[in-house]
């Protein structure tokens, strides 16, 4: 079974507290934030899945293809779950 995957589009960026997405991303007029995440079983599982995805021939054909977003403004990170509701 593949890991859970979600893609979300910004719905409320005008919060009254904390650091909001528009500021660090330097959003321009007409731009919005897309946020996606995948929950892997472990870091090792993530590494196996990513390696397999990168070897997929369908990924190779995407090299050099223009995308509708600025790759320099993409953020990546790994997180460890600390609370589950």
N, C-alpha and C. Protein backbone atom coordinates (compact mmCIF):
# COMPACT_ATOMS: atom_id res chain seq x y z
N UNK A 1 0.84 -1.18 0.00
CA UNK A 1 0.00 0.00 0.00
C UNK A 1 0.89 1.25 0.00
N UNK A 2 0.65 2.20 -0.92
CA UNK A 2 1.49 3.41 -0.97
C UNK A 2 1.26 4.28 0.26
N UNK A 3 2.25 5.12 0.57
CA UNK A 3 2.08 6.01 1.72
C UNK A 3 1.00 7.04 1.45
N UNK A 4 0.34 7.55 2.50
CA UNK A 4 -0.67 8.61 2.31
C UNK A 4 -0.04 9.84 1.67
N UNK A 5 -0.72 10.39 0.69
CA UNK A 5 -0.24 11.56 -0.04
C UNK A 5 -1.36 12.59 -0.12
N UNK A 6 -1.05 13.83 0.14
CA UNK A 6 -2.04 14.90 0.08
C UNK A 6 -1.47 16.11 -0.66
N UNK A 7 -2.31 16.77 -1.43
CA UNK A 7 -1.97 18.06 -2.05
C UNK A 7 -3.03 19.04 -1.63
N UNK A 8 -2.59 20.20 -1.19
CA UNK A 8 -3.52 21.22 -0.67
C UNK A 8 -3.20 22.57 -1.30
N UNK A 9 -4.22 23.36 -1.52
CA UNK A 9 -4.04 24.72 -2.04
C UNK A 9 -4.40 25.69 -0.93
N UNK A 10 -3.67 26.79 -0.86
CA UNK A 10 -3.88 27.78 0.19
C UNK A 10 -5.32 28.28 0.17
N UNK A 11 -5.90 28.36 1.34
CA UNK A 11 -7.29 28.80 1.48
C UNK A 11 -7.40 30.01 2.40
N UNK A 12 -6.47 30.16 3.34
CA UNK A 12 -6.52 31.26 4.30
C UNK A 12 -5.09 31.65 4.65
N UNK A 13 -4.54 32.61 3.93
CA UNK A 13 -3.16 33.04 4.16
C UNK A 13 -3.06 34.30 5.01
N UNK A 14 -4.18 34.87 5.40
CA UNK A 14 -4.15 36.12 6.15
C UNK A 14 -4.37 35.86 7.64
N UNK A 15 -3.50 35.06 8.23
CA UNK A 15 -3.63 34.77 9.66
C UNK A 15 -3.13 35.96 10.46
N UNK A 16 -3.57 36.06 11.69
CA UNK A 16 -3.21 37.18 12.55
C UNK A 16 -2.02 36.88 13.46
N UNK A 17 -1.45 35.71 13.33
CA UNK A 17 -0.34 35.35 14.20
C UNK A 17 0.65 34.45 13.45
N UNK A 18 1.84 34.34 13.99
CA UNK A 18 2.85 33.46 13.41
C UNK A 18 3.41 33.98 12.10
N UNK A 19 4.32 33.22 11.54
CA UNK A 19 4.91 33.54 10.24
C UNK A 19 4.01 32.94 9.16
N UNK A 20 3.46 33.77 8.32
CA UNK A 20 2.55 33.31 7.27
C UNK A 20 3.35 32.84 6.04
N UNK A 21 2.75 32.03 5.22
CA UNK A 21 3.42 31.52 4.02
C UNK A 21 3.85 32.63 3.04
N UNK A 22 3.02 33.63 2.78
CA UNK A 22 3.40 34.61 1.76
C UNK A 22 4.73 35.32 2.02
N UNK A 23 5.03 35.62 3.27
CA UNK A 23 6.24 36.40 3.57
C UNK A 23 7.52 35.66 3.18
N UNK A 24 7.80 34.45 3.72
CA UNK A 24 9.07 33.81 3.36
C UNK A 24 9.13 33.36 1.90
N UNK A 25 7.98 33.09 1.30
CA UNK A 25 7.96 32.66 -0.10
C UNK A 25 7.96 33.84 -1.07
N UNK A 26 7.79 35.04 -0.53
CA UNK A 26 7.75 36.26 -1.34
C UNK A 26 6.74 36.12 -2.47
N UNK A 27 5.50 35.75 -2.09
CA UNK A 27 4.44 35.60 -3.08
C UNK A 27 4.18 36.89 -3.82
N UNK A 28 3.98 36.75 -5.11
CA UNK A 28 3.64 37.90 -5.94
C UNK A 28 2.14 37.88 -6.20
N UNK A 29 1.62 38.99 -6.65
CA UNK A 29 0.20 39.10 -6.96
C UNK A 29 -0.21 37.99 -7.94
N UNK A 30 -1.28 37.30 -7.64
CA UNK A 30 -1.77 36.24 -8.51
C UNK A 30 -1.20 34.86 -8.21
N UNK A 31 -0.21 34.78 -7.31
CA UNK A 31 0.36 33.49 -6.95
C UNK A 31 -0.35 32.94 -5.72
N UNK A 32 -0.29 31.64 -5.56
CA UNK A 32 -0.85 31.01 -4.38
C UNK A 32 0.10 29.91 -3.91
N UNK A 33 -0.17 29.37 -2.76
CA UNK A 33 0.68 28.33 -2.18
C UNK A 33 0.04 26.97 -2.39
N UNK A 34 0.83 26.02 -2.85
CA UNK A 34 0.42 24.63 -2.92
C UNK A 34 1.28 23.89 -1.91
N UNK A 35 0.64 23.13 -1.05
CA UNK A 35 1.35 22.40 0.00
C UNK A 35 1.01 20.94 -0.15
N UNK A 36 2.02 20.09 -0.23
CA UNK A 36 1.75 18.66 -0.32
C UNK A 36 2.64 17.93 0.67
N UNK A 37 2.18 16.75 1.08
CA UNK A 37 2.96 15.97 2.02
C UNK A 37 2.67 14.49 1.84
N UNK A 38 3.66 13.70 2.23
CA UNK A 38 3.56 12.24 2.18
C UNK A 38 3.96 11.72 3.55
N UNK A 39 3.20 10.79 4.07
CA UNK A 39 3.55 10.15 5.35
C UNK A 39 4.16 8.79 5.07
N UNK A 40 5.45 8.67 5.28
CA UNK A 40 6.16 7.41 5.09
C UNK A 40 6.23 6.66 6.42
N UNK A 41 6.45 5.36 6.35
CA UNK A 41 6.57 4.54 7.55
C UNK A 41 7.82 4.89 8.35
N UNK A 42 8.88 5.27 7.63
CA UNK A 42 10.16 5.58 8.26
C UNK A 42 11.02 6.34 7.26
N UNK A 43 12.15 6.81 7.72
CA UNK A 43 13.09 7.49 6.82
C UNK A 43 13.62 6.51 5.78
N UNK A 44 13.89 5.27 6.21
CA UNK A 44 14.36 4.25 5.27
C UNK A 44 13.31 3.97 4.19
N UNK A 45 12.04 3.92 4.59
CA UNK A 45 10.96 3.72 3.64
C UNK A 45 10.90 4.88 2.65
N UNK A 46 11.02 6.09 3.16
CA UNK A 46 11.03 7.27 2.29
C UNK A 46 12.16 7.17 1.28
N UNK A 47 13.35 6.81 1.74
CA UNK A 47 14.50 6.72 0.84
C UNK A 47 14.30 5.66 -0.24
N UNK A 48 13.70 4.51 0.12
CA UNK A 48 13.42 3.46 -0.87
C UNK A 48 12.41 3.95 -1.91
N UNK A 49 11.34 4.58 -1.44
CA UNK A 49 10.30 5.08 -2.36
C UNK A 49 10.87 6.14 -3.29
N UNK A 50 11.63 7.09 -2.75
CA UNK A 50 12.21 8.15 -3.59
C UNK A 50 13.19 7.57 -4.61
N UNK A 51 14.01 6.60 -4.21
CA UNK A 51 14.96 5.99 -5.15
C UNK A 51 14.21 5.29 -6.28
N UNK A 52 13.15 4.58 -5.93
CA UNK A 52 12.34 3.89 -6.94
C UNK A 52 11.69 4.89 -7.90
N UNK A 53 11.17 5.98 -7.36
CA UNK A 53 10.54 7.00 -8.20
C UNK A 53 11.54 7.63 -9.16
N UNK A 54 12.74 7.90 -8.69
CA UNK A 54 13.75 8.52 -9.55
C UNK A 54 14.22 7.59 -10.67
N UNK A 55 14.11 6.28 -10.48
CA UNK A 55 14.49 5.31 -11.52
C UNK A 55 13.37 5.06 -12.53
N UNK A 56 12.18 5.54 -12.24
CA UNK A 56 11.04 5.34 -13.13
C UNK A 56 11.29 6.10 -14.44
N UNK A 57 11.22 5.44 -15.59
CA UNK A 57 11.48 6.10 -16.87
C UNK A 57 10.55 7.28 -17.15
N UNK A 58 9.38 7.30 -16.55
CA UNK A 58 8.47 8.44 -16.75
C UNK A 58 9.03 9.72 -16.13
N UNK A 59 9.89 9.59 -15.14
CA UNK A 59 10.51 10.76 -14.53
C UNK A 59 11.57 11.37 -15.45
N UNK A 60 12.30 10.52 -16.17
CA UNK A 60 13.37 10.99 -17.05
C UNK A 60 12.83 11.91 -18.14
N UNK A 61 11.64 11.62 -18.63
CA UNK A 61 11.08 12.44 -19.71
C UNK A 61 10.68 13.83 -19.21
N UNK A 62 10.65 14.05 -17.91
CA UNK A 62 10.28 15.36 -17.37
C UNK A 62 11.48 16.31 -17.29
N UNK A 63 12.69 15.79 -17.45
CA UNK A 63 13.89 16.63 -17.38
C UNK A 63 13.84 17.69 -18.48
N UNK A 64 14.00 18.92 -18.08
CA UNK A 64 14.00 20.02 -19.04
C UNK A 64 12.63 20.53 -19.42
N UNK A 65 11.57 19.90 -18.92
CA UNK A 65 10.21 20.34 -19.23
C UNK A 65 9.86 21.51 -18.30
N UNK A 66 9.38 22.61 -18.84
CA UNK A 66 9.02 23.74 -17.99
C UNK A 66 7.89 23.38 -17.01
N UNK A 67 7.97 23.92 -15.82
CA UNK A 67 6.94 23.68 -14.81
C UNK A 67 6.23 24.99 -14.50
N UNK A 68 5.04 24.92 -13.95
CA UNK A 68 4.28 26.15 -13.66
C UNK A 68 4.67 26.78 -12.32
N UNK A 69 5.83 26.42 -11.77
CA UNK A 69 6.25 27.00 -10.50
C UNK A 69 7.77 27.20 -10.50
N UNK A 70 8.24 28.00 -9.56
CA UNK A 70 9.65 28.33 -9.43
C UNK A 70 10.31 27.32 -8.48
N UNK A 71 11.15 26.46 -9.01
CA UNK A 71 11.80 25.41 -8.21
C UNK A 71 12.65 25.99 -7.08
N UNK A 72 13.18 27.19 -7.26
CA UNK A 72 14.02 27.80 -6.24
C UNK A 72 13.22 28.15 -4.98
N UNK A 73 11.91 28.22 -5.11
CA UNK A 73 11.08 28.59 -3.96
C UNK A 73 10.40 27.37 -3.33
N UNK A 74 10.75 26.18 -3.80
CA UNK A 74 10.21 24.96 -3.20
C UNK A 74 10.93 24.69 -1.88
N UNK A 75 10.19 24.19 -0.91
CA UNK A 75 10.76 23.86 0.39
C UNK A 75 10.64 22.36 0.61
N UNK A 76 11.69 21.75 1.13
CA UNK A 76 11.70 20.31 1.40
C UNK A 76 12.12 20.11 2.84
N UNK A 77 11.61 19.09 3.47
CA UNK A 77 12.04 18.76 4.83
C UNK A 77 11.51 17.38 5.20
N UNK A 78 12.09 16.83 6.23
CA UNK A 78 11.59 15.60 6.82
C UNK A 78 11.17 15.90 8.24
N UNK A 79 10.08 15.31 8.68
CA UNK A 79 9.56 15.55 10.02
C UNK A 79 9.30 14.23 10.72
N UNK A 80 9.44 14.24 12.02
CA UNK A 80 9.13 13.09 12.86
C UNK A 80 7.83 13.40 13.60
N UNK A 81 6.90 12.46 13.58
CA UNK A 81 5.63 12.67 14.26
C UNK A 81 5.84 12.71 15.78
N UNK A 82 5.23 13.71 16.43
CA UNK A 82 5.35 13.80 17.88
C UNK A 82 4.00 13.69 18.58
N UNK A 83 2.91 13.98 17.87
CA UNK A 83 1.57 13.84 18.43
C UNK A 83 0.65 13.28 17.36
N UNK A 84 -0.17 12.33 17.71
CA UNK A 84 -1.17 11.80 16.80
C UNK A 84 -2.52 11.90 17.49
N UNK A 85 -3.47 12.57 16.85
CA UNK A 85 -4.78 12.78 17.45
C UNK A 85 -5.76 11.67 17.18
